[in-house]
């Protein structure tokens, strides 16, 4: 019986860690753009963040998968995981792997915390990570490079492409 309490207590610590990272990773990413005086990066982060939230919430409501252990609904994909991986992928792609590696470790901890708290299963977390990374990769360019994803549309045409300035 003592072991069950210890495991539940550890699970609560993991859950709280994931909740803290849900706010601290996006905040660190956004504040980092101010510290680096990177106005372009800030805008890229915001676009990726908003897109990620829209896709994640849209999928949650469209799929309405129940959470494990009867802990509610709207499990797929994990919002905590998509948010932390979106922030992490932004940091990695914009500023490099020296920032990205520790950020990916923290984002992975968030995903593990969601499983430990019985809020998600592995598929929910994997999908959240993929949505988050894709959201950042759509809008983020490495700092100092002139390559960007462009989108344009009118009543009859849609253009999606890459723009590189020589």
Protein backbone atom coordinates (compact mmCIF):
# COMPACT_ATOMS: atom_id res chain seq x y z
CA UNK A 1 0.00 0.00 0.00
CA UNK A 2 2.88 2.37 0.72
CA UNK A 3 4.28 1.74 -2.77
CA UNK A 4 0.99 2.77 -4.37
CA UNK A 5 1.01 6.06 -2.51
CA UNK A 6 4.63 6.71 -3.46
CA UNK A 7 3.89 6.00 -7.12
CA UNK A 8 0.82 8.28 -7.06
CA UNK A 9 2.88 11.00 -5.38
CA UNK A 10 5.58 10.69 -8.03
CA UNK A 11 2.89 10.78 -10.70
CA UNK A 12 1.55 14.05 -9.25
CA UNK A 13 5.04 15.56 -9.30
CA UNK A 14 5.40 14.51 -12.95
CA UNK A 15 2.01 15.99 -13.80
CA UNK A 16 2.90 19.28 -12.12
CA UNK A 17 6.23 19.36 -13.97
CA UNK A 18 4.42 19.00 -17.27
CA UNK A 19 2.00 21.78 -16.33
CA UNK A 20 4.88 24.11 -15.45
CA UNK A 21 6.69 23.32 -18.72
CA UNK A 22 3.46 24.00 -20.66
CA UNK A 23 3.85 27.68 -19.74
CA UNK A 24 7.61 28.02 -19.28
CA UNK A 25 8.78 26.69 -22.67
CA UNK A 26 6.59 29.03 -24.79
CA UNK A 27 7.43 31.92 -22.44
CA UNK A 28 11.16 31.20 -22.73
CA UNK A 29 10.87 31.02 -26.51
CA UNK A 30 9.05 34.33 -26.76
CA UNK A 31 11.25 36.12 -24.20
CA UNK A 32 14.30 34.72 -26.01
CA UNK A 33 13.29 36.60 -29.16
CA UNK A 34 13.30 39.86 -27.16
CA UNK A 35 16.66 39.08 -25.57
CA UNK A 36 18.11 38.29 -29.01
CA UNK A 37 16.40 41.41 -30.43
CA UNK A 38 14.91 39.08 -33.05
CA UNK A 39 11.71 40.73 -34.24
CA UNK A 40 11.46 38.41 -37.26
CA UNK A 41 11.85 35.36 -35.01
CA UNK A 42 9.21 36.69 -32.63
CA UNK A 43 6.71 36.94 -35.47
CA UNK A 44 7.63 33.44 -36.67
CA UNK A 45 7.10 32.07 -33.16
CA UNK A 46 3.69 33.73 -32.85
CA UNK A 47 2.53 32.40 -36.23
CA UNK A 48 3.66 28.87 -35.33
CA UNK A 49 2.09 29.09 -31.87
CA UNK A 50 -1.30 30.26 -33.15
CA UNK A 51 -1.31 27.69 -35.94
CA UNK A 52 -0.39 24.93 -33.49
CA UNK A 53 -3.19 25.85 -31.09
CA UNK A 54 -5.75 25.98 -33.92
CA UNK A 55 -4.72 22.59 -35.33
CA UNK A 56 -4.50 20.94 -31.91
CA UNK A 57 -7.89 22.22 -30.71
CA UNK A 58 -9.48 21.48 -34.08
CA UNK A 59 -8.27 17.89 -33.95
CA UNK A 60 -9.34 17.47 -30.31
CA UNK A 61 -12.91 18.51 -31.08
CA UNK A 62 -13.13 16.72 -34.42
CA UNK A 63 -11.81 13.39 -33.07
CA UNK A 64 -13.11 13.59 -29.45
CA UNK A 65 -11.07 10.60 -28.25
CA UNK A 66 -11.68 9.63 -24.60
CA UNK A 67 -8.80 10.00 -22.18
CA UNK A 68 -7.33 6.91 -20.51
CA UNK A 69 -8.85 5.69 -17.25
CA UNK A 70 -12.06 7.65 -17.82
CA UNK A 71 -10.35 11.01 -17.19
CA UNK A 72 -12.50 12.95 -19.66
CA UNK A 73 -12.48 13.43 -23.39
CA UNK A 74 -10.64 15.35 -26.13
CA UNK A 75 -7.41 13.43 -25.61
CA UNK A 76 -6.04 13.39 -29.18
CA UNK A 77 -3.60 15.04 -29.67
CA UNK A 78 -1.99 16.09 -26.40
CA UNK A 79 -2.18 19.88 -26.13
CA UNK A 80 0.57 20.07 -23.50
CA UNK A 81 2.86 18.11 -25.80
CA UNK A 82 2.02 20.02 -28.97
CA UNK A 83 2.61 23.35 -27.21
CA UNK A 84 5.95 22.39 -25.69
CA UNK A 85 7.20 20.75 -28.90
CA UNK A 86 6.13 23.77 -30.97
CA UNK A 87 8.18 26.03 -28.68
CA UNK A 88 11.11 23.62 -28.72
CA UNK A 89 11.13 23.18 -32.49
CA UNK A 90 11.10 26.97 -32.86
CA UNK A 91 14.13 27.33 -30.58
CA UNK A 92 16.00 24.53 -32.35
CA UNK A 93 15.27 25.66 -35.89
CA UNK A 94 15.77 29.37 -35.25
CA UNK A 95 18.78 29.28 -32.91
CA UNK A 96 20.34 25.83 -33.39
CA UNK A 97 20.81 22.51 -31.69
CA UNK A 98 22.73 23.91 -28.72
CA UNK A 99 19.43 25.40 -27.56
CA UNK A 100 17.29 22.69 -29.12
CA UNK A 101 18.70 19.62 -27.36
CA UNK A 102 17.89 20.72 -23.79
CA UNK A 103 14.53 22.08 -24.96
CA UNK A 104 13.65 18.76 -26.63
CA UNK A 105 14.53 16.97 -23.37
CA UNK A 106 12.09 19.22 -21.48
CA UNK A 107 9.37 18.80 -24.11
CA UNK A 108 9.82 15.03 -23.92
CA UNK A 109 9.45 15.25 -20.14
CA UNK A 110 6.14 17.03 -20.71
CA UNK A 111 4.90 14.17 -22.90
CA UNK A 112 5.98 11.59 -20.34
CA UNK A 113 4.23 13.59 -17.60
CA UNK A 114 0.94 13.41 -19.52
CA UNK A 115 1.19 9.63 -19.73
CA UNK A 116 2.21 9.32 -16.05
CA UNK A 117 -0.79 11.46 -15.04
CA UNK A 118 -3.12 9.14 -17.00
CA UNK A 119 -4.27 12.06 -19.18
CA UNK A 120 -2.95 10.62 -22.45
CA UNK A 121 -1.58 7.49 -24.05
CA UNK A 122 1.52 7.25 -26.23
CA UNK A 123 -0.40 7.95 -29.47
CA UNK A 124 -1.85 11.19 -28.07
CA UNK A 125 1.62 12.35 -27.04
CA UNK A 126 3.26 11.32 -30.32
CA UNK A 127 0.59 13.14 -32.33
CA UNK A 128 1.00 16.24 -30.15
CA UNK A 129 4.75 16.22 -30.69
CA UNK A 130 4.34 15.88 -34.47
CA UNK A 131 1.74 18.67 -34.68
CA UNK A 132 3.93 20.94 -32.55
CA UNK A 133 7.12 20.37 -34.53
CA UNK A 134 5.33 20.72 -37.87
CA UNK A 135 3.72 23.98 -36.72
CA UNK A 136 7.10 25.55 -36.03
CA UNK A 137 8.80 24.13 -39.09
CA UNK A 138 6.14 25.70 -41.32
CA UNK A 139 6.93 29.23 -40.15
CA UNK A 140 10.45 29.27 -38.73
CA UNK A 141 13.67 29.98 -40.60
CA UNK A 142 17.15 29.67 -39.16
CA UNK A 143 18.43 33.02 -37.95
CA UNK A 144 20.67 34.66 -40.49
CA UNK A 145 19.35 32.76 -43.50
CA UNK A 146 17.06 34.19 -46.11
CA UNK A 147 14.81 31.18 -46.73
CA UNK A 148 11.13 31.38 -45.85
CA UNK A 149 7.85 29.62 -46.49
CA UNK A 150 5.47 31.84 -48.45
CA UNK A 151 1.72 31.62 -48.87
CA UNK A 152 -0.51 33.70 -51.09
CA UNK A 153 -4.06 33.31 -52.34
CA UNK A 154 -6.77 35.09 -54.24
CA UNK A 155 -10.26 34.06 -55.36
CA UNK A 156 -8.96 31.48 -57.84
CA UNK A 157 -5.37 30.59 -56.91
CA UNK A 158 -3.34 29.39 -53.97
CA UNK A 159 0.47 29.62 -53.90
CA UNK A 160 2.64 27.81 -51.38
CA UNK A 161 6.37 27.88 -51.87
CA UNK A 162 9.82 28.70 -50.62
CA UNK A 163 11.40 32.11 -51.09
CA UNK A 164 15.19 32.48 -51.01
CA UNK A 165 16.96 35.82 -51.30
CA UNK A 166 20.43 35.64 -52.86
